[in-house]
Amino acid sequence: MFKSIIGLAIGLLLNVALLAQENSLTIKITDQYEVAVSGVQISINGETTNLVSDKNGYCTIEGNPSDSVRFWREGHRDFISTLHDMHDNSIIVLKKDFVWKDLVNPMFYIVNGGLWLLLFIVFAETGLFIGFFLPGDSLLFVAGIYSSNLVHELLKTLGIGHVNNEWVDLIILTLLVSLAGILGNLVGYWFGKKIGPAMYNWKDRFLFKKKYLHDAHDFYEKYGGGAIVFARFLPIIRTFAPIVAGIVQMNRKKFVFFNIVGSIAWVVSMIFAGHFLQLWVRKQFGFELRDHLELIVIIIILVTTFPVFWKLLSGNKKQPKQ
C-alpha cells in the first residue's frame, strides 16, 4: 500500500515536471490550398506576439504543453489548440476566406470539390459554352501532382482503398478526365448543330462575345478537323471549336475521331507533366513543386493564353482601315 502511494506520488511529480517544461516546436503555417501564410499572430495563454516565419511558412514557438495557443490572421479563420496536441513539424492550417480570384486557383476546386468537381469543370469548358473562364490547363497540371489524393477517395468509395499504385492512379484519372472532355465536346457539337447558327445574332454579354465564335470559326477554317485537336490546348478557342464544328455540319464520325484524339492528348500531356515534373524537381532540386503552385499557375496561364492574345492582336492589325 505504502509503495503504491509512493509510486503514484512520483508519477504525479514527473507529470507536473513535464507539464512545466517548456517545449520548442517548429511548425509550418499554410492555408487550405497549401500556400504558406505570413504575418500570423499567436496568443499563448493570452500573451500575443507576431510570428516570424521564413518564406516557406516555417516558424518556431515555445511554451508549456498545457498552454492554450491561438493563431490568427486577417482574412483567415482562427486556429485554436494546445501545445500538448501539437508536435514538431506540425502543419497549422489557417483557412482563408473566399475571394473571387480563388475561382482561377486550381487548388480551390481540388480542395473543395475533389475529383467530381474536376470532371465537371473539364466537361463544362466545352459542354457549357460559358465555361471558357475556368482554369482547365492549370487545373489538370495540378491534378497530376495530386493524382493519388484525387483517385484514392474514389477507390475508398468503391471499397478498394487498399490499392496504392502510382500508375493505377494516373491511368484512372486520365481515363475519367478524358471521358469528361470527350462528352463535353460532344455536347458542344450537338449545341452547334441545333442552336449554333442563331448565336451569330446574339448580343455580346459578359460571358459571351461573338468575336470568340468568329475566332473559333477562323481557326477551324485554317486547320479543318485538326482544329478540334489543337483547340484543346487553347483557352477560349477550345470552348467554341466544337460549337463551330456543329455549325458547319462537320461529319459526325470525323468529329468523334478528332475529339477523342484531342481530349486524350490534352489530358495525358497536362496530367503526366504535373505528376512527373513534381517527381523530377523533388529528386533534382530537393523541393516540392506543390509549394510553388501560384507561380506555376501564372506561367501556365501565360503560356496557354499567349497564342490567343497574339491572334487577337495580329488580327486587329490586319483589319483594313475604314
Protein backbone atom coordinates (compact mmCIF):
# COMPACT_ATOMS: atom_id res chain seq x y z
CA MET A 1 0.00 0.00 0.00
CA PHE A 2 2.74 2.41 1.03
CA LYS A 3 4.75 1.55 -2.10
CA SER A 4 1.72 2.23 -4.29
CA ILE A 5 1.22 5.66 -2.75
CA ILE A 6 4.91 6.47 -3.23
CA GLY A 7 4.71 5.33 -6.85
CA LEU A 8 1.65 7.48 -7.53
CA ALA A 9 3.31 10.47 -5.91
CA ILE A 10 6.44 10.05 -8.01
CA GLY A 11 4.37 9.67 -11.16
CA LEU A 12 2.38 12.80 -10.32
CA LEU A 13 5.56 14.78 -9.72
CA LEU A 14 7.01 13.61 -13.04
CA ASN A 15 3.85 14.64 -14.90
CA VAL A 16 3.87 18.04 -13.23
CA ALA A 17 7.54 18.46 -14.17
CA LEU A 18 6.81 17.53 -17.78
CA LEU A 19 3.90 19.97 -17.94
CA ALA A 20 6.08 22.74 -16.52
CA GLN A 21 8.87 22.06 -19.01
CA GLU A 22 8.87 24.43 -21.97
CA ASN A 23 8.80 22.90 -25.42
CA SER A 24 10.24 24.40 -28.58
CA LEU A 25 8.34 23.40 -31.72
CA THR A 26 8.96 24.11 -35.37
CA ILE A 27 5.69 24.41 -37.26
CA LYS A 28 4.52 25.36 -40.72
CA ILE A 29 1.53 27.61 -41.31
CA THR A 30 -0.42 27.33 -44.57
CA ASP A 31 -3.92 28.00 -45.83
CA GLN A 32 -6.22 25.23 -47.06
CA TYR A 33 -4.62 25.50 -50.51
CA GLU A 34 -1.17 24.68 -49.07
CA VAL A 35 0.12 28.22 -49.60
CA ALA A 36 2.43 29.49 -46.84
CA VAL A 37 0.80 32.14 -44.65
CA SER A 38 2.88 35.01 -43.27
CA GLY A 39 2.02 37.83 -40.89
CA VAL A 40 0.36 35.46 -38.42
CA GLN A 41 -0.26 36.46 -34.82
CA ILE A 42 -0.13 33.96 -31.97
CA SER A 43 -1.59 34.14 -28.48
CA ILE A 44 -0.24 31.78 -25.79
CA ASN A 45 -2.26 31.95 -22.59
CA GLY A 46 -3.44 35.44 -23.55
CA GLU A 47 0.01 36.84 -24.43
CA THR A 48 0.05 37.97 -28.06
CA THR A 49 3.08 38.17 -30.35
CA ASN A 50 3.77 38.30 -34.08
CA LEU A 51 5.14 35.10 -35.53
CA VAL A 52 8.24 35.40 -37.67
CA SER A 53 8.24 32.75 -40.38
CA ASP A 54 10.51 32.03 -43.32
CA LYS A 55 9.40 32.17 -46.96
CA ASN A 56 8.12 28.59 -46.74
CA GLY A 57 5.95 29.33 -43.72
CA TYR A 58 8.10 27.67 -41.04
CA CYS A 59 8.45 29.27 -37.61
CA THR A 60 9.35 28.33 -34.03
CA ILE A 61 7.11 28.61 -30.96
CA GLU A 62 7.87 27.93 -27.31
CA GLY A 63 5.68 27.16 -24.31
CA ASN A 64 4.43 24.53 -21.89
CA PRO A 65 2.47 21.51 -23.16
CA SER A 66 -0.61 22.68 -21.23
CA ASP A 67 -0.55 26.16 -22.81
CA SER A 68 -3.53 27.18 -24.91
CA VAL A 69 -2.49 28.52 -28.32
CA ARG A 70 -4.45 30.63 -30.79
CA PHE A 71 -3.26 31.51 -34.30
CA TRP A 72 -4.97 34.16 -36.40
CA ARG A 73 -4.52 36.45 -39.37
CA GLU A 74 -6.84 38.90 -41.07
CA GLY A 75 -8.84 37.20 -43.82
CA HIS A 76 -8.35 33.76 -42.26
CA ARG A 77 -10.18 31.65 -39.69
CA ASP A 78 -8.60 31.25 -36.26
CA PHE A 79 -6.87 28.02 -35.25
CA ILE A 80 -7.02 27.10 -31.55
CA SER A 81 -5.16 24.21 -29.90
CA THR A 82 -2.76 23.34 -27.07
CA LEU A 83 0.96 22.73 -27.37
CA HIS A 84 0.34 19.24 -26.00
CA ASP A 85 -1.70 18.39 -29.12
CA MET A 86 0.99 19.71 -31.46
CA HIS A 87 4.29 18.15 -32.41
CA ASP A 88 7.47 19.17 -34.16
CA ASN A 89 6.94 19.96 -37.86
CA SER A 90 3.17 20.22 -37.38
CA ILE A 91 1.26 21.91 -40.19
CA ILE A 92 -1.18 24.53 -38.94
CA VAL A 93 -3.96 25.31 -41.43
CA LEU A 94 -5.50 28.78 -41.31
CA LYS A 95 -8.43 28.60 -43.71
CA LYS A 96 -8.61 31.77 -45.78
CA ASP A 97 -11.89 33.48 -46.55
CA PHE A 98 -13.26 33.19 -50.08
CA VAL A 99 -12.34 35.89 -52.58
CA TRP A 100 -13.33 35.98 -56.25
CA LYS A 101 -9.81 35.40 -57.52
CA ASP A 102 -9.97 31.94 -55.92
CA LEU A 103 -12.02 30.92 -58.98
CA VAL A 104 -8.86 30.93 -61.10
CA ASN A 105 -6.91 28.98 -58.48
CA PRO A 106 -6.89 25.24 -59.37
CA MET A 107 -6.44 24.28 -55.73
CA PHE A 108 -9.80 25.89 -54.92
CA TYR A 109 -11.55 23.22 -56.98
CA ILE A 110 -9.36 20.31 -55.86
CA VAL A 111 -9.75 21.14 -52.17
CA ASN A 112 -13.46 21.97 -52.25
CA GLY A 113 -14.74 19.52 -54.85
CA GLY A 114 -12.09 16.88 -55.47
CA LEU A 115 -12.32 14.52 -58.42
CA TRP A 116 -16.02 15.10 -59.16
CA LEU A 117 -15.69 18.87 -59.45
CA LEU A 118 -12.59 18.39 -61.61
CA LEU A 119 -14.57 16.19 -64.01
CA PHE A 120 -17.45 18.67 -64.12
CA ILE A 121 -15.14 21.58 -64.94
CA VAL A 122 -13.45 19.70 -67.79
CA PHE A 123 -16.91 18.85 -69.13
CA ALA A 124 -18.21 22.40 -68.64
CA GLU A 125 -15.33 24.05 -70.52
CA THR A 126 -16.79 22.78 -73.79
CA GLY A 127 -20.16 21.26 -72.83
CA LEU A 128 -21.36 24.54 -71.32
CA PHE A 129 -20.04 27.34 -73.52
CA ILE A 130 -19.83 29.72 -70.54
CA GLY A 131 -17.05 27.55 -69.11
CA PHE A 132 -14.24 29.26 -71.02
CA PHE A 133 -13.14 31.21 -67.92
CA LEU A 134 -12.45 28.02 -65.94
CA PRO A 135 -8.75 27.10 -65.36
CA GLY A 136 -8.63 23.93 -67.45
CA ASP A 137 -4.91 23.65 -68.26
CA SER A 138 -3.57 24.62 -64.85
CA LEU A 139 -6.25 22.51 -63.15
CA LEU A 140 -5.13 19.36 -64.99
CA PHE A 141 -1.47 20.11 -64.29
CA VAL A 142 -2.17 20.44 -60.56
CA ALA A 143 -4.41 17.36 -60.70
CA GLY A 144 -1.37 15.42 -61.93
CA ILE A 145 0.54 16.49 -58.83
CA TYR A 146 -2.33 15.36 -56.59
CA SER A 147 -3.36 12.33 -58.66
CA SER A 148 -3.01 9.89 -55.76
CA ASN A 149 -5.12 12.03 -53.42
CA LEU A 150 -7.86 12.51 -56.01
CA VAL A 151 -8.16 8.88 -57.08
CA HIS A 152 -7.75 7.41 -53.60
CA GLU A 153 -11.04 8.97 -52.48
CA LEU A 154 -12.80 7.26 -55.39
CA LEU A 155 -11.15 3.92 -54.65
CA LYS A 156 -12.20 4.17 -51.00
CA THR A 157 -15.79 4.78 -52.10
CA LEU A 158 -15.60 1.66 -54.27
CA GLY A 159 -14.23 -0.36 -51.34
CA ILE A 160 -10.77 -0.85 -52.84
CA GLY A 161 -8.93 1.87 -50.95
CA HIS A 162 -6.10 -0.59 -50.23
CA VAL A 163 -4.95 -0.25 -53.85
CA ASN A 164 -1.97 2.10 -53.83
CA ASN A 165 -0.17 2.26 -57.15
CA GLU A 166 1.16 5.33 -58.95
CA TRP A 167 0.30 4.07 -62.44
CA VAL A 168 -3.16 2.86 -61.44
CA ASP A 169 -3.91 6.33 -60.07
CA LEU A 170 -2.64 8.06 -63.21
CA ILE A 171 -4.49 5.75 -65.61
CA ILE A 172 -7.80 6.03 -63.74
CA LEU A 173 -7.52 9.81 -63.51
CA THR A 174 -6.55 10.13 -67.18
CA LEU A 175 -9.41 7.92 -68.38
CA LEU A 176 -12.06 9.71 -66.33
CA VAL A 177 -10.90 13.22 -67.27
CA SER A 178 -10.56 12.24 -70.95
CA LEU A 179 -14.11 10.89 -70.90
CA ALA A 180 -15.38 14.14 -69.35
CA GLY A 181 -13.62 16.14 -72.08
CA ILE A 182 -14.97 13.91 -74.86
CA LEU A 183 -18.54 14.19 -73.55
CA GLY A 184 -18.20 17.95 -73.17
CA ASN A 185 -17.13 18.33 -76.79
CA LEU A 186 -19.99 16.12 -77.97
CA VAL A 187 -22.49 18.34 -76.17
CA GLY A 188 -20.83 21.42 -77.71
CA TYR A 189 -21.04 19.81 -81.18
CA TRP A 190 -24.73 18.99 -80.69
CA PHE A 191 -25.38 22.51 -79.43
CA GLY A 192 -23.68 23.93 -82.52
CA LYS A 193 -25.81 21.85 -84.89
CA LYS A 194 -29.08 22.71 -83.17
CA ILE A 195 -28.64 26.28 -81.96
CA GLY A 196 -25.23 27.42 -83.20
CA PRO A 197 -26.26 29.47 -86.28
CA ALA A 198 -28.52 31.65 -84.13
CA MET A 199 -25.56 32.52 -81.90
CA TYR A 200 -24.22 34.85 -84.60
CA ASN A 201 -27.24 37.06 -83.91
CA TRP A 202 -26.76 37.09 -80.13
CA LYS A 203 -25.73 40.31 -78.43
CA ASP A 204 -22.39 40.46 -76.64
CA ARG A 205 -22.64 39.75 -72.94
CA PHE A 206 -20.24 39.33 -70.05
CA LEU A 207 -19.85 35.58 -70.66
CA PHE A 208 -20.32 35.64 -74.43
CA LYS A 209 -18.66 37.60 -77.20
CA LYS A 210 -19.38 36.97 -80.89
CA LYS A 211 -15.68 37.55 -81.54
CA TYR A 212 -14.92 34.29 -79.72
CA LEU A 213 -17.20 32.50 -82.15
CA HIS A 214 -15.60 34.15 -85.20
CA ASP A 215 -12.08 33.37 -83.93
CA ALA A 216 -13.02 29.71 -83.43
CA HIS A 217 -14.53 29.63 -86.93
CA ASP A 218 -11.35 31.10 -88.46
CA PHE A 219 -9.30 28.56 -86.53
CA TYR A 220 -11.47 25.75 -87.89
CA GLU A 221 -11.24 27.08 -91.45
CA LYS A 222 -7.44 27.13 -91.18
CA TYR A 223 -6.88 23.68 -89.63
CA GLY A 224 -10.01 21.72 -90.52
CA GLY A 225 -10.58 18.63 -88.38
CA GLY A 226 -7.21 19.13 -86.74
CA ALA A 227 -8.63 22.27 -85.15
CA ILE A 228 -10.59 20.04 -82.75
CA VAL A 229 -7.26 18.56 -81.59
CA PHE A 230 -5.26 21.81 -81.49
CA ALA A 231 -8.09 23.77 -79.86
CA ARG A 232 -7.86 21.58 -76.78
CA PHE A 233 -4.62 23.37 -75.89
CA LEU A 234 -6.01 26.89 -76.41
CA PRO A 235 -8.28 28.51 -73.81
CA ILE A 236 -11.48 30.11 -75.20
CA ILE A 237 -10.88 28.53 -78.63
CA ARG A 238 -11.47 25.05 -77.18
CA THR A 239 -14.83 26.18 -75.79
CA PHE A 240 -16.17 27.32 -79.16
CA ALA A 241 -14.38 24.91 -81.55
CA PRO A 242 -16.90 22.03 -81.12
CA ILE A 243 -19.78 24.51 -81.48
CA VAL A 244 -18.34 25.75 -84.77
CA ALA A 245 -17.82 22.15 -85.92
CA GLY A 246 -21.53 21.61 -85.34
CA ILE A 247 -22.47 24.83 -87.12
CA VAL A 248 -20.53 23.89 -90.29
CA GLN A 249 -22.03 20.38 -90.14
CA MET A 250 -18.69 18.59 -89.75
CA ASN A 251 -19.06 14.84 -90.35
CA ARG A 252 -20.02 13.24 -87.03
CA LYS A 253 -17.63 10.28 -87.27
CA LYS A 254 -14.79 12.58 -88.24
CA PHE A 255 -15.60 14.87 -85.32
CA VAL A 256 -15.73 11.97 -82.86
CA PHE A 257 -12.32 10.75 -84.03
CA PHE A 258 -10.61 14.13 -83.65
CA ASN A 259 -12.49 14.72 -80.41
CA ILE A 260 -11.15 11.52 -78.84
CA VAL A 261 -7.59 12.15 -80.08
CA GLY A 262 -7.59 15.76 -78.89
CA SER A 263 -9.07 15.05 -75.47
CA ILE A 264 -6.68 12.20 -74.71
CA ALA A 265 -3.64 14.15 -75.98
CA TRP A 266 -4.55 17.19 -73.87
CA VAL A 267 -5.34 15.26 -70.69
CA VAL A 268 -2.31 12.95 -70.87
CA SER A 269 0.13 15.80 -71.58
CA MET A 270 -1.17 18.02 -68.76
CA ILE A 271 -1.68 15.38 -66.05
CA PHE A 272 1.54 13.49 -66.77
CA ALA A 273 3.50 16.77 -66.95
CA GLY A 274 2.29 17.77 -63.50
CA HIS A 275 2.90 14.36 -61.95
CA PHE A 276 6.34 13.59 -63.32
CA LEU A 277 7.67 17.14 -63.22
CA GLN A 278 6.85 17.15 -59.50
CA LEU A 279 8.87 13.93 -59.03
CA TRP A 280 11.78 15.21 -61.13
CA VAL A 281 12.00 18.56 -59.32
CA ARG A 282 11.89 16.82 -55.94
CA LYS A 283 14.72 14.47 -56.97
CA GLN A 284 16.91 17.03 -58.71
CA PHE A 285 16.44 20.11 -56.53
CA GLY A 286 15.05 18.76 -53.25
CA PHE A 287 11.90 20.87 -53.02
CA GLU A 288 8.22 20.29 -53.65
CA LEU A 289 6.65 21.74 -56.79
CA ARG A 290 3.35 21.96 -54.92
CA ASP A 291 4.92 24.58 -52.63
CA HIS A 292 5.18 26.97 -55.60
CA LEU A 293 1.81 26.41 -57.28
CA GLU A 294 0.91 30.09 -57.55
CA LEU A 295 3.96 30.79 -59.72
CA ILE A 296 3.38 27.64 -61.78
CA VAL A 297 -0.26 28.54 -62.43
CA ILE A 298 0.75 32.03 -63.60
CA ILE A 299 3.32 30.54 -66.00
CA ILE A 300 0.78 28.03 -67.39
CA ILE A 301 -1.82 30.77 -67.89
CA LEU A 302 0.70 32.98 -69.70
CA VAL A 303 1.94 30.16 -71.94
CA THR A 304 -1.53 28.87 -72.87
CA THR A 305 -3.17 32.25 -73.40
CA PHE A 306 -0.29 33.87 -75.32
CA PRO A 307 -1.30 32.32 -78.69
CA VAL A 308 -4.88 33.53 -78.20
CA PHE A 309 -3.89 37.10 -77.38
CA TRP A 310 -1.33 37.09 -80.20
CA LYS A 311 -4.08 36.06 -82.61
CA LEU A 312 -6.34 38.83 -81.31
CA LEU A 313 -3.61 41.47 -81.59
CA SER A 314 -2.39 40.37 -85.02
CA GLY A 315 -5.98 40.12 -86.21
CA ASN A 316 -6.65 43.72 -85.18
CA LYS A 317 -3.53 44.92 -87.01
CA LYS A 318 -4.58 43.18 -90.22
CA GLN A 319 -8.03 44.79 -90.27
CA PRO A 320 -8.19 47.38 -93.07
CA LYS A 321 -8.77 50.95 -92.07
CA GLN A 322 -12.20 52.29 -92.84
